[in-house]
N, C-alpha and C. Protein backbone atom coordinates (compact mmCIF):
# COMPACT_ATOMS: atom_id res chain seq x y z
N UNK A 1 40.69 29.30 -28.12
CA UNK A 1 40.00 29.68 -28.66
C UNK A 1 39.74 28.81 -29.92
N UNK A 2 41.34 28.95 -30.31
CA UNK A 2 41.66 27.95 -31.52
C UNK A 2 41.55 26.41 -31.25
N UNK A 3 41.10 25.91 -29.71
CA UNK A 3 40.95 24.58 -29.23
C UNK A 3 39.29 24.35 -30.09
N UNK A 4 39.02 25.43 -29.15
CA UNK A 4 37.21 25.18 -29.30
C UNK A 4 37.07 25.28 -30.42
N UNK A 5 37.62 26.01 -31.29
CA UNK A 5 37.33 25.77 -32.75
C UNK A 5 37.58 24.68 -33.60
N UNK A 6 38.52 24.44 -33.37
CA UNK A 6 39.16 23.03 -33.86
C UNK A 6 38.30 21.81 -33.43
N UNK A 7 37.89 22.02 -32.32
CA UNK A 7 36.63 20.51 -31.37
C UNK A 7 35.72 21.24 -32.13
N UNK A 8 35.41 21.49 -32.47
CA UNK A 8 33.67 22.10 -33.36
C UNK A 8 33.59 21.61 -34.64
N UNK A 9 34.82 21.96 -35.21
CA UNK A 9 35.05 22.04 -36.80
C UNK A 9 35.41 19.65 -36.83
N UNK A 10 36.04 19.73 -35.95
CA UNK A 10 36.28 18.11 -35.82
C UNK A 10 34.95 17.84 -35.84
N UNK A 11 33.65 18.22 -34.88
CA UNK A 11 32.70 17.29 -34.54
C UNK A 11 31.85 17.54 -35.78
N UNK A 12 31.76 18.61 -36.35
CA UNK A 12 30.72 19.04 -37.32
C UNK A 12 31.13 18.40 -38.96
N UNK A 13 32.48 17.96 -39.07
CA UNK A 13 33.04 17.81 -40.01
C UNK A 13 32.46 16.25 -40.46
N UNK A 14 31.67 16.96 -41.92
CA UNK A 14 30.94 15.04 -42.15
C UNK A 14 31.83 14.15 -42.93
N UNK A 15 33.08 14.50 -43.54
CA UNK A 15 34.09 14.13 -44.25
C UNK A 15 35.14 13.54 -43.48
N UNK A 16 35.76 12.24 -43.57
CA UNK A 16 37.08 11.83 -42.98
C UNK A 16 38.36 12.13 -43.75
N UNK A 17 39.21 12.98 -43.49
CA UNK A 17 40.49 12.78 -44.17
C UNK A 17 41.50 13.01 -43.27
N UNK A 18 42.56 12.62 -44.34
CA UNK A 18 43.92 12.25 -44.14
C UNK A 18 44.80 13.50 -44.20
N UNK A 19 45.21 14.01 -43.20
CA UNK A 19 46.08 15.11 -43.53
C UNK A 19 47.87 15.21 -42.49
N UNK A 20 49.00 15.33 -43.15
CA UNK A 20 49.89 14.91 -42.13
C UNK A 20 50.38 16.82 -42.18
N UNK A 21 49.28 17.69 -42.98
CA UNK A 21 49.33 19.19 -42.10
C UNK A 21 48.75 19.41 -41.13
N UNK A 22 47.52 18.85 -40.50
CA UNK A 22 47.19 18.90 -39.42
C UNK A 22 47.14 18.05 -38.18
N UNK A 23 48.18 17.02 -39.20
CA UNK A 23 47.88 15.37 -38.32
C UNK A 23 46.78 14.63 -37.61
N UNK A 24 45.64 14.71 -38.30
CA UNK A 24 44.64 14.28 -38.48
C UNK A 24 43.92 12.70 -38.92
N UNK A 25 43.95 11.90 -38.67
CA UNK A 25 42.98 11.21 -39.85
C UNK A 25 44.34 10.37 -40.88
N UNK A 26 45.58 9.68 -39.92
CA UNK A 26 46.46 9.32 -40.28
C UNK A 26 46.53 7.85 -40.86
N UNK A 27 47.75 7.45 -41.06
CA UNK A 27 47.34 6.07 -41.60
C UNK A 27 48.73 5.67 -41.72
N UNK A 28 49.14 4.63 -40.99
CA UNK A 28 50.40 4.29 -40.29
C UNK A 28 51.52 3.46 -41.37
N UNK A 29 52.90 4.00 -41.62
CA UNK A 29 53.22 3.71 -42.52
C UNK A 29 54.24 2.96 -41.66
N UNK A 30 56.07 3.32 -42.09
CA UNK A 30 56.71 2.72 -41.58
C UNK A 30 57.10 2.53 -40.06
N UNK A 31 57.15 1.39 -39.33
CA UNK A 31 57.00 1.16 -37.79
C UNK A 31 59.22 1.27 -37.56
N UNK A 32 59.98 2.28 -36.57
CA UNK A 32 60.82 1.96 -36.65
C UNK A 32 61.12 1.14 -35.10
N UNK A 33 61.91 0.02 -34.46
CA UNK A 33 61.83 -0.44 -33.29
C UNK A 33 63.20 -0.99 -33.44
N UNK A 34 64.01 -0.26 -32.43
CA UNK A 34 64.85 -0.48 -32.15
C UNK A 34 65.84 -1.56 -31.37
N UNK A 35 66.82 -2.33 -30.73
CA UNK A 35 67.37 -2.87 -29.90
C UNK A 35 67.83 -2.06 -28.85
N UNK A 36 67.36 -2.53 -27.91
CA UNK A 36 67.87 -1.29 -26.22
C UNK A 36 66.92 -0.40 -26.31
N UNK A 37 66.41 0.43 -27.07
CA UNK A 37 65.76 1.17 -27.41
C UNK A 37 63.66 0.83 -27.52
N UNK A 38 63.39 0.51 -28.07
CA UNK A 38 62.12 0.08 -28.34
C UNK A 38 61.63 0.67 -29.29
N UNK A 39 60.19 1.09 -29.29
CA UNK A 39 59.87 2.02 -30.55
C UNK A 39 60.50 2.97 -30.50
N UNK A 40 60.90 3.78 -31.58
CA UNK A 40 61.85 4.62 -31.31
C UNK A 40 61.38 5.94 -32.46
N UNK A 41 60.59 5.39 -33.61
CA UNK A 41 59.91 6.49 -34.20
C UNK A 41 58.61 5.64 -35.21
N UNK A 42 58.02 6.55 -36.24
CA UNK A 42 56.85 6.01 -37.32
C UNK A 42 56.89 7.35 -38.13
N UNK A 43 56.22 6.49 -39.58
CA UNK A 43 56.32 7.45 -40.56
C UNK A 43 54.40 7.24 -40.43
N UNK A 44 53.70 8.79 -40.74
CA UNK A 44 52.50 8.91 -40.91
C UNK A 44 52.36 9.06 -42.25
N UNK A 45 51.14 8.57 -42.50
CA UNK A 45 50.70 8.71 -44.43
C UNK A 45 49.65 8.46 -44.41
N UNK A 46 49.38 9.88 -45.46
CA UNK A 46 47.67 10.33 -45.70
C UNK A 46 46.79 9.27 -46.58
N UNK A 47 47.45 8.64 -47.09
CA UNK A 47 46.58 7.37 -47.71
C UNK A 47 47.68 6.26 -47.46
N UNK A 48 46.92 4.93 -47.05
CA UNK A 48 47.09 3.80 -46.61
C UNK A 48 48.39 2.94 -47.89
N UNK A 49 47.52 3.33 -49.54
CA UNK A 49 48.36 2.91 -50.33
C UNK A 49 49.89 3.45 -50.96
N UNK A 50 49.79 4.36 -50.65
CA UNK A 50 50.82 5.86 -50.50
C UNK A 50 52.75 4.90 -50.07
N UNK A 51 53.61 5.17 -50.34
CA UNK A 51 55.03 4.58 -49.95
C UNK A 51 55.42 5.43 -49.50
N UNK A 52 54.91 6.63 -49.44
CA UNK A 52 56.20 8.14 -48.88
C UNK A 52 55.00 8.83 -47.36
N UNK A 53 55.38 9.61 -46.61
CA UNK A 53 54.42 10.38 -45.94
C UNK A 53 55.10 11.11 -45.03
N UNK A 54 55.07 11.33 -43.62
CA UNK A 54 55.53 12.40 -43.15
C UNK A 54 57.04 12.04 -42.87
N UNK A 55 57.98 12.82 -42.37
CA UNK A 55 59.46 12.49 -41.63
C UNK A 55 59.08 11.90 -40.64
N UNK A 56 60.28 10.79 -40.31
CA UNK A 56 60.05 10.19 -38.82
C UNK A 56 59.71 11.42 -37.69
N UNK A 57 58.20 10.56 -37.31
CA UNK A 57 58.03 11.57 -35.94
C UNK A 57 58.97 10.41 -34.48
N UNK A 58 59.53 10.67 -33.86
CA UNK A 58 59.93 10.21 -32.98
C UNK A 58 59.21 10.04 -31.51
N UNK A 59 59.63 8.83 -30.74
CA UNK A 59 59.23 9.10 -29.39
C UNK A 59 60.10 8.56 -28.32
N UNK A 60 61.14 10.01 -28.11
CA UNK A 60 62.18 9.74 -27.19
C UNK A 60 62.37 9.99 -25.94
N UNK A 61 61.20 10.75 -25.75
CA UNK A 61 60.49 11.16 -24.15
C UNK A 61 59.87 10.80 -23.79
N UNK A 62 59.35 9.21 -24.09
CA UNK A 62 58.01 8.06 -23.68
C UNK A 62 59.23 7.38 -22.66
N UNK A 63 58.41 6.90 -21.42
CA UNK A 63 58.95 5.80 -20.89
C UNK A 63 58.83 4.44 -21.69
N UNK A 64 59.78 3.46 -21.20
CA UNK A 64 59.51 2.25 -21.81
C UNK A 64 58.08 1.52 -22.28
N UNK A 65 57.28 1.92 -21.08
CA UNK A 65 55.96 1.36 -20.86
C UNK A 65 55.25 2.30 -21.82
N UNK A 66 55.43 3.28 -21.98
CA UNK A 66 54.56 4.10 -22.88
C UNK A 66 54.82 3.61 -24.34
N UNK A 67 55.94 3.40 -24.79
CA UNK A 67 56.35 2.99 -25.74
C UNK A 67 55.83 1.91 -26.43
N UNK A 68 55.78 0.38 -25.20
CA UNK A 68 54.85 -0.52 -25.60
C UNK A 68 53.45 0.04 -25.78
N UNK A 69 52.30 0.44 -25.11
CA UNK A 69 51.55 0.97 -25.28
C UNK A 69 50.99 1.73 -26.72
N UNK A 70 52.07 2.52 -26.89
CA UNK A 70 51.77 3.40 -28.25
C UNK A 70 52.13 2.07 -29.35
N UNK A 71 53.07 1.22 -29.12
CA UNK A 71 53.40 0.42 -30.30
C UNK A 71 52.25 -0.75 -30.52
N UNK A 72 51.18 -0.95 -29.68
CA UNK A 72 50.48 -1.46 -29.54
C UNK A 72 49.73 -0.71 -30.03
N UNK A 73 49.08 0.38 -30.29
CA UNK A 73 48.11 1.01 -30.82
C UNK A 73 48.67 1.08 -32.29
N UNK A 74 49.65 1.52 -32.75
CA UNK A 74 50.34 1.75 -33.92
C UNK A 74 50.22 0.39 -34.59
N UNK A 75 50.14 -0.73 -34.08
CA UNK A 75 50.60 -2.29 -34.97
C UNK A 75 48.99 -2.29 -35.05
N UNK A 76 48.16 -2.37 -33.97
CA UNK A 76 46.48 -2.58 -34.94
C UNK A 76 46.04 -1.57 -35.58
N UNK A 77 46.36 0.04 -35.74
CA UNK A 77 46.11 0.76 -36.57
C UNK A 77 46.42 0.40 -37.98
N UNK A 78 47.54 0.02 -37.91
CA UNK A 78 48.46 -0.53 -39.66
C UNK A 78 47.66 -1.97 -40.04
N UNK A 79 47.73 -2.70 -39.12
CA UNK A 79 46.80 -3.86 -39.32
C UNK A 79 45.28 -3.58 -39.92
N UNK A 80 44.74 -3.11 -39.18
CA UNK A 80 43.47 -2.77 -39.93
C UNK A 80 43.37 -1.47 -40.62
N UNK A 81 44.27 -0.72 -41.17
CA UNK A 81 44.40 0.42 -41.38
C UNK A 81 43.44 1.61 -40.71
N UNK A 82 43.42 1.59 -39.63
CA UNK A 82 42.62 2.61 -38.95
C UNK A 82 43.33 3.55 -38.69
N UNK A 83 43.06 4.92 -38.90
CA UNK A 83 43.47 6.21 -38.69
C UNK A 83 43.51 6.36 -37.64
N UNK A 84 44.66 7.35 -37.03
CA UNK A 84 45.13 8.17 -35.77
C UNK A 84 45.39 9.12 -36.33
N UNK A 85 45.11 9.99 -35.00
CA UNK A 85 45.40 11.24 -35.09
C UNK A 85 46.85 11.28 -33.53
N UNK A 86 47.42 13.01 -34.10
CA UNK A 86 48.69 12.76 -33.37
C UNK A 86 48.88 14.30 -33.04
N UNK A 87 49.77 14.48 -32.05
CA UNK A 87 50.41 15.60 -31.75
C UNK A 87 51.40 15.55 -31.81
N UNK A 88 52.50 16.85 -31.56
CA UNK A 88 53.97 16.52 -31.78
C UNK A 88 54.32 17.55 -30.71
N UNK A 89 55.63 17.85 -30.42
CA UNK A 89 56.03 18.77 -29.91
C UNK A 89 56.22 19.80 -30.28
N UNK A 90 56.07 20.05 -31.85
CA UNK A 90 56.06 21.47 -32.52
C UNK A 90 55.51 22.13 -32.25
N UNK A 91 55.64 24.10 -32.64
CA UNK A 91 55.07 24.78 -32.25
C UNK A 91 53.14 24.80 -32.17
N UNK A 92 52.84 24.20 -33.68
CA UNK A 92 51.46 24.13 -34.36
C UNK A 92 51.15 22.68 -33.81
N UNK A 93 51.83 22.07 -32.56
CA UNK A 93 51.31 20.68 -32.82
C UNK A 93 50.93 19.56 -33.88
N UNK A 94 51.70 19.92 -34.95
CA UNK A 94 52.07 19.12 -35.52
C UNK A 94 53.60 19.17 -36.84
N UNK A 95 53.40 19.58 -37.58
CA UNK A 95 54.83 19.91 -38.36
C UNK A 95 55.32 18.55 -38.92
N UNK A 96 54.64 17.69 -39.14
CA UNK A 96 54.97 16.31 -40.00
C UNK A 96 55.60 16.53 -41.13
N UNK A 97 55.34 17.79 -41.82
CA UNK A 97 55.93 18.14 -43.14
C UNK A 97 57.35 18.85 -42.86
N UNK A 98 57.38 19.43 -41.94
CA UNK A 98 58.39 20.39 -42.14
C UNK A 98 59.71 19.65 -41.40
N UNK A 99 59.66 18.39 -40.99
CA UNK A 99 60.90 17.56 -40.87
C UNK A 99 60.86 16.73 -39.48
N UNK A 100 61.54 16.10 -39.03
CA UNK A 100 61.34 15.14 -37.93
C UNK A 100 60.70 15.91 -36.66
N UNK A 101 60.10 15.33 -36.10
CA UNK A 101 59.26 15.70 -34.84
C UNK A 101 59.67 14.56 -33.70
N UNK A 102 59.05 14.99 -32.56
CA UNK A 102 58.50 14.08 -31.78
C UNK A 102 57.52 13.93 -31.19
N UNK A 103 56.87 13.10 -31.28
CA UNK A 103 55.28 12.51 -30.64
C UNK A 103 54.87 12.91 -29.53
N UNK A 104 53.72 13.75 -29.21
CA UNK A 104 53.24 14.08 -27.64
C UNK A 104 52.34 12.97 -27.11
N UNK A 105 51.26 13.09 -28.02
CA UNK A 105 50.34 12.04 -28.25
C UNK A 105 49.67 11.28 -29.53
N UNK A 106 49.07 9.95 -29.24
CA UNK A 106 48.46 9.27 -30.65
C UNK A 106 47.54 8.73 -30.02
N UNK A 107 45.97 8.88 -30.88
CA UNK A 107 45.41 8.35 -30.49
C UNK A 107 44.34 7.95 -31.55
N UNK A 108 43.61 6.61 -31.60
CA UNK A 108 42.43 6.14 -32.79
C UNK A 108 41.66 7.18 -33.26
N UNK A 109 41.36 7.47 -34.08
CA UNK A 109 40.64 8.81 -35.00
C UNK A 109 39.69 7.93 -34.74
N UNK A 110 38.35 8.73 -34.75
CA UNK A 110 36.91 8.11 -34.32
C UNK A 110 36.22 7.46 -35.76
N UNK A 111 36.66 7.81 -36.61
CA UNK A 111 35.90 7.70 -38.30
C UNK A 111 37.47 6.69 -38.32
N UNK A 112 37.06 5.33 -38.79
CA UNK A 112 38.20 4.77 -39.54
C UNK A 112 38.51 4.77 -40.76
């Protein structure tokens, strides 16, 4: 039921917004790529002009190929200031403000 309400709210919502509270419409901040690891973590922002945002969200359980694909999305979104939506492994599928997280899914938002 919660998922259905979320989908309805997302479709009917006329305003584009960013929120590290619900992981919707976020901008890309810092991207951490490490030798021998590849994409390690990212910081998501509510606003592209701010310098602080979420805690680090890691890509620890992603394969090397999945990390390359995610890095491509992150770099494109950062360069074009396109918004992304994120799902984490936290109980509420977000938790970006509660501490470090592990990213489970990343996708481009409908409204840039």
